[in-house]
N, C-alpha and C. Protein backbone atom coordinates (compact mmCIF):
# COMPACT_ATOMS: atom_id res chain seq x y z
N MET A 1 0.77 -1.12 -0.19
CA MET A 1 0.12 -0.08 -0.04
C MET A 1 0.80 1.27 -0.02
N ASN A 2 0.64 2.30 -0.82
CA ASN A 2 1.47 3.29 -0.83
C ASN A 2 0.77 4.68 -0.33
N ILE A 3 1.14 4.93 1.01
CA ILE A 3 0.80 6.18 1.55
C ILE A 3 0.92 7.14 1.27
N PRO A 4 0.46 8.02 1.07
CA PRO A 4 0.50 9.73 0.31
C PRO A 4 1.56 10.41 1.54
N GLU A 5 2.42 11.14 1.21
CA GLU A 5 3.23 12.01 2.03
C GLU A 5 2.55 12.85 2.77
N SER A 6 1.58 13.37 2.51
CA SER A 6 0.17 14.22 3.32
C SER A 6 0.33 13.57 4.73
N VAL A 7 0.29 12.10 4.60
CA VAL A 7 -0.05 11.24 5.90
C VAL A 7 1.29 11.68 6.91
N PHE A 8 2.28 11.69 6.12
CA PHE A 8 3.73 11.80 7.56
C PHE A 8 3.33 13.50 7.70
N ARG A 9 2.35 14.07 8.32
CA ARG A 9 2.10 14.95 9.24
C ARG A 9 2.64 14.93 10.47
N THR A 10 2.97 15.86 11.16
CA THR A 10 3.35 15.99 12.92
C THR A 10 2.38 16.03 14.08
N LEU A 11 2.37 15.61 14.82
CA LEU A 11 1.16 15.64 16.17
C LEU A 11 1.71 17.08 16.67
N ASP A 12 1.12 17.75 17.41
CA ASP A 12 1.48 18.74 18.02
C ASP A 12 2.49 18.98 19.00
N GLY A 13 3.04 17.13 19.39
CA GLY A 13 4.22 17.18 19.98
C GLY A 13 5.35 17.37 18.94
N GLY A 14 5.46 17.01 17.71
CA GLY A 14 6.20 17.26 16.78
C GLY A 14 6.85 15.69 16.28
N GLU A 15 6.04 14.97 16.74
CA GLU A 15 5.86 13.32 16.64
C GLU A 15 5.73 13.40 15.42
N ASN A 16 6.27 12.38 14.42
CA ASN A 16 5.65 11.77 13.17
C ASN A 16 4.59 11.06 13.71
N LEU A 17 3.23 11.03 12.43
CA LEU A 17 2.36 10.62 12.98
C LEU A 17 2.33 9.08 12.86
N LEU A 18 2.87 8.74 11.99
CA LEU A 18 2.88 6.90 11.49
C LEU A 18 4.27 6.34 12.25
N MET A 19 4.92 7.16 12.90
CA MET A 19 6.17 6.68 13.56
C MET A 19 5.62 6.73 15.38
N ASN A 20 4.52 7.07 15.66
CA ASN A 20 3.67 7.15 17.12
C ASN A 20 2.84 5.71 16.93
N SER A 21 3.11 5.02 17.55
CA SER A 21 2.62 3.43 17.54
C SER A 21 0.90 3.65 18.25
N LYS A 22 0.82 4.54 19.07
CA LYS A 22 -0.36 4.68 19.95
C LYS A 22 -1.59 5.44 19.32
N ILE A 23 -1.42 5.47 18.05
CA ILE A 23 -2.85 6.01 17.27
C ILE A 23 -3.68 5.36 16.98
N ASN A 24 -4.70 5.92 17.04
CA ASN A 24 -6.30 5.23 16.63
C ASN A 24 -6.10 5.10 15.05
N ILE A 25 -6.39 4.27 14.28
CA ILE A 25 -6.43 4.22 12.91
C ILE A 25 -7.86 3.21 12.55
N LEU A 26 -8.87 4.13 11.80
CA LEU A 26 -10.27 3.82 11.55
C LEU A 26 -9.61 2.50 10.05
N VAL A 27 -10.33 1.60 10.09
CA VAL A 27 -9.70 0.47 8.95
C VAL A 27 -11.09 0.34 8.43
N VAL A 28 -11.41 0.64 7.59
CA VAL A 28 -13.01 0.90 6.35
C VAL A 28 -12.58 -0.17 5.42
N ASP A 29 -13.19 -1.72 5.31
CA ASP A 29 -13.14 -2.73 4.27
C ASP A 29 -14.47 -3.15 3.83
N ASP A 30 -15.43 -3.41 2.94
CA ASP A 30 -16.42 -4.57 3.24
C ASP A 30 -15.83 -5.56 2.81
N ASN A 31 -14.97 -6.16 2.66
CA ASN A 31 -14.40 -7.56 2.86
C ASN A 31 -13.65 -7.98 4.19
N GLU A 32 -14.40 -8.66 4.76
CA GLU A 32 -13.88 -8.82 6.44
C GLU A 32 -12.61 -9.80 6.61
N LEU A 33 -12.35 -10.52 5.98
CA LEU A 33 -10.93 -10.98 6.05
C LEU A 33 -9.87 -9.84 5.72
N LEU A 34 -9.95 -9.26 4.77
CA LEU A 34 -8.84 -8.37 4.73
C LEU A 34 -9.06 -6.96 5.41
N ARG A 35 -10.37 -6.78 6.10
CA ARG A 35 -10.39 -5.66 7.10
C ARG A 35 -9.44 -6.27 8.28
N GLU A 36 -9.82 -7.61 8.49
CA GLU A 36 -9.63 -8.09 9.82
C GLU A 36 -7.74 -8.43 10.04
N LEU A 37 -7.51 -8.55 8.45
CA LEU A 37 -5.98 -9.11 8.52
C LEU A 37 -4.95 -7.71 8.69
N VAL A 38 -5.69 -6.22 8.12
CA VAL A 38 -5.45 -5.27 8.08
C VAL A 38 -5.26 -4.87 9.51
N CYS A 39 -6.35 -4.93 10.49
CA CYS A 39 -6.40 -4.70 11.84
C CYS A 39 -5.58 -5.49 12.67
N LEU A 40 -5.24 -6.66 12.28
CA LEU A 40 -4.06 -7.58 13.38
C LEU A 40 -2.88 -6.89 12.99
N LEU A 41 -2.50 -6.48 11.46
CA LEU A 41 -1.28 -6.27 11.16
C LEU A 41 -1.05 -5.06 12.22
N LEU A 42 -1.89 -4.00 12.15
CA LEU A 42 -1.85 -2.81 12.99
C LEU A 42 -1.59 -2.97 14.12
N SER A 43 -2.77 -3.99 14.73
CA SER A 43 -2.17 -3.77 16.12
C SER A 43 -0.95 -4.36 16.56
N SER A 44 -0.12 -5.49 15.60
CA SER A 44 0.80 -6.17 15.90
C SER A 44 2.16 -5.14 15.78
N LEU A 45 1.64 -3.92 15.02
CA LEU A 45 2.82 -3.27 15.26
C LEU A 45 2.56 -1.89 16.20
N GLY A 46 1.55 -2.21 17.25
CA GLY A 46 1.30 -1.52 18.29
C GLY A 46 0.18 -0.34 18.14
N TYR A 47 -0.33 -0.25 16.87
CA TYR A 47 -1.15 0.92 16.71
C TYR A 47 -2.67 0.51 17.03
N LEU A 48 -3.95 1.08 17.16
CA LEU A 48 -4.80 1.01 17.95
C LEU A 48 -5.79 1.46 16.77
N PRO A 49 -6.28 -0.01 15.97
CA PRO A 49 -7.13 -0.07 14.83
C PRO A 49 -8.61 -0.48 15.23
N THR A 50 -9.61 0.36 14.67
CA THR A 50 -10.71 0.00 14.61
C THR A 50 -11.76 -0.19 13.21
N SER A 51 -12.36 -1.28 13.09
CA SER A 51 -12.80 -2.08 12.04
C SER A 51 -14.25 -0.97 11.79
N ALA A 52 -14.29 -1.01 10.67
CA ALA A 52 -15.39 -0.93 10.00
C ALA A 52 -16.14 -1.58 8.76
N GLN A 53 -16.95 -2.01 8.39
CA GLN A 53 -17.48 -2.98 7.51
C GLN A 53 -17.71 -2.16 6.05
N GLY A 54 -17.99 -0.49 6.23
CA GLY A 54 -18.56 0.23 4.68
C GLY A 54 -18.32 1.63 5.34
N ALA A 55 -18.76 2.20 4.52
CA ALA A 55 -18.97 3.71 4.26
C ALA A 55 -19.60 4.12 5.53
N THR A 56 -20.98 3.51 5.36
CA THR A 56 -21.95 4.00 6.66
C THR A 56 -21.55 3.86 7.92
N GLU A 57 -20.95 2.63 8.23
CA GLU A 57 -20.63 2.05 9.65
C GLU A 57 -19.17 3.50 9.91
N ALA A 58 -18.28 3.47 9.07
CA ALA A 58 -17.11 4.40 9.24
C ALA A 58 -17.80 6.07 9.71
N ILE A 59 -18.92 6.24 8.68
CA ILE A 59 -19.30 7.60 9.14
C ILE A 59 -19.88 7.79 10.39
N ASP A 60 -20.53 6.62 11.11
CA ASP A 60 -21.10 6.65 12.10
C ASP A 60 -19.98 6.65 13.38
N CYS A 61 -18.91 5.82 12.76
CA CYS A 61 -17.74 5.81 13.94
C CYS A 61 -16.85 7.22 13.99
N ILE A 62 -16.71 7.89 12.84
CA ILE A 62 -16.35 9.24 12.95
C ILE A 62 -16.98 10.00 13.62
N ASN A 63 -18.34 10.48 13.50
CA ASN A 63 -19.36 11.15 14.15
C ASN A 63 -19.41 10.62 15.47
N ASN A 64 -19.03 9.42 15.88
CA ASN A 64 -19.19 9.35 17.34
C ASN A 64 -17.72 9.02 18.51
N ASN A 65 -17.09 9.40 17.73
CA ASN A 65 -15.69 9.08 18.11
C ASN A 65 -14.39 10.18 17.46
N ASP A 66 -14.20 11.22 18.42
CA ASP A 66 -13.16 12.08 18.00
C ASP A 66 -11.60 11.45 18.23
N SER A 67 -11.15 10.24 18.51
CA SER A 67 -9.84 9.70 18.87
C SER A 67 -8.78 9.22 17.53
N PHE A 68 -9.89 9.43 16.44
CA PHE A 68 -9.15 8.71 14.97
C PHE A 68 -8.22 9.76 14.27
N GLN A 69 -7.27 9.31 14.03
CA GLN A 69 -6.06 10.00 13.63
C GLN A 69 -5.78 9.86 12.23
N LEU A 70 -6.27 8.91 11.44
CA LEU A 70 -6.05 8.30 10.52
C LEU A 70 -7.00 7.24 9.60
N VAL A 71 -7.42 7.55 8.67
CA VAL A 71 -8.47 6.39 7.94
C VAL A 71 -7.58 5.70 6.55
N LEU A 72 -7.91 4.46 7.19
CA LEU A 72 -7.33 3.51 5.63
C LEU A 72 -8.95 3.04 5.34
N THR A 73 -9.34 3.37 4.05
CA THR A 73 -10.54 2.98 3.28
C THR A 73 -10.23 2.47 1.93
N ASP A 74 -10.69 0.82 1.67
CA ASP A 74 -10.76 0.60 0.55
C ASP A 74 -11.66 1.33 -0.56
N ILE A 75 -11.01 1.43 -2.06
CA ILE A 75 -11.94 1.96 -2.74
C ILE A 75 -12.65 1.60 -3.20
N ASN A 76 -13.03 0.19 -3.68
CA ASN A 76 -13.81 -0.64 -4.30
C ASN A 76 -14.84 -1.19 -3.04
N MET A 77 -15.86 -0.34 -2.65
CA MET A 77 -16.74 -0.61 -1.61
C MET A 77 -18.41 -0.79 -2.11
N SER A 78 -19.61 -1.48 -2.22
CA SER A 78 -20.51 -1.01 -2.58
C SER A 78 -21.13 0.19 -1.75
N GLN A 79 -21.99 0.58 -2.25
CA GLN A 79 -23.03 1.75 -1.87
C GLN A 79 -22.36 2.91 -2.20
N ILE A 80 -20.95 2.95 -1.33
CA ILE A 80 -20.20 4.23 -1.29
C ILE A 80 -19.29 4.01 -1.61
N ASP A 81 -18.24 4.12 -2.55
CA ASP A 81 -17.05 4.11 -3.02
C ASP A 81 -16.17 4.61 -1.65
N GLY A 82 -14.61 4.13 -1.82
CA GLY A 82 -13.45 4.91 -0.78
C GLY A 82 -13.37 6.02 -1.02
N TRP A 83 -13.50 6.58 -2.45
CA TRP A 83 -12.90 7.72 -2.89
C TRP A 83 -14.45 9.04 -2.41
N GLU A 84 -15.65 8.60 -2.29
CA GLU A 84 -16.74 8.99 -2.17
C GLU A 84 -17.02 9.36 -0.53
N LEU A 85 -16.22 8.21 0.10
CA LEU A 85 -16.08 8.24 1.64
C LEU A 85 -15.30 9.23 2.08
N ALA A 86 -13.91 9.02 1.48
CA ALA A 86 -12.98 10.03 1.48
C ALA A 86 -13.33 11.99 1.85
N LEU A 87 -13.95 12.05 0.52
CA LEU A 87 -14.81 13.13 0.40
C LEU A 87 -15.45 13.72 1.73
N HIS A 88 -16.22 12.57 1.64
CA HIS A 88 -17.43 12.85 2.92
C HIS A 88 -16.63 13.01 4.37
N LEU A 89 -15.58 12.55 4.90
CA LEU A 89 -15.19 12.12 5.81
C LEU A 89 -14.01 13.98 5.90
N LYS A 90 -13.77 13.91 4.75
CA LYS A 90 -12.71 15.53 4.99
C LYS A 90 -13.89 16.84 5.16
N ASP A 91 -14.80 16.35 4.80
CA ASP A 91 -16.02 17.27 5.25
C ASP A 91 -15.92 17.40 6.80
N LEU A 92 -16.57 16.19 6.86
CA LEU A 92 -16.45 15.92 8.50
C LEU A 92 -15.18 16.45 9.81
N LYS A 93 -14.02 15.79 9.52
CA LYS A 93 -13.43 15.87 9.87
C LYS A 93 -12.16 16.23 8.93
N PRO A 94 -11.84 17.73 8.62
CA PRO A 94 -10.83 17.62 7.48
C PRO A 94 -9.18 17.62 8.10
N GLU A 95 -9.16 17.71 9.64
CA GLU A 95 -8.05 17.35 10.28
C GLU A 95 -7.63 15.71 10.36
N VAL A 96 -8.44 14.89 10.07
CA VAL A 96 -7.99 13.48 9.85
C VAL A 96 -7.44 12.77 8.54
N PRO A 97 -6.42 12.47 8.24
CA PRO A 97 -6.31 12.24 6.60
C PRO A 97 -6.75 10.74 6.48
N VAL A 98 -6.96 10.48 5.26
CA VAL A 98 -7.57 9.69 4.60
C VAL A 98 -6.78 9.06 3.82
N VAL A 99 -6.71 7.58 3.65
CA VAL A 99 -5.72 7.22 2.79
C VAL A 99 -6.87 5.87 1.85
N PRO A 100 -7.12 6.20 0.66
CA PRO A 100 -7.87 5.39 -0.07
C PRO A 100 -6.99 4.16 -0.41
N HIS A 101 -7.49 2.91 -0.68
CA HIS A 101 -5.97 1.73 -1.33
C HIS A 101 -6.91 0.75 -2.01
N ARG A 102 -6.54 0.12 -2.70
CA ARG A 102 -7.16 -0.95 -3.31
C ARG A 102 -7.01 -2.27 -2.46
């Protein structure tokens, strides 16, 4: 997965976002196996992942939880695809980087 340079921003304390292993990451994918695999990998690296099975659940998570610092979303999802979700999440929480992936 290629992560855009914009994700490598710093937190208030000057720490690199991806080097801080205690960040909360929302993982969005309608494929349960892939979603859980990504969450397992992130957990093993010390990150704090939360999974959402689609765009609607992701929007609910973002609306109900201010602790997410990064969103990883699949592009090819039914109903609302990852690009549309990224645009919607940017309107809701412009400070949270959204990384669409295949």
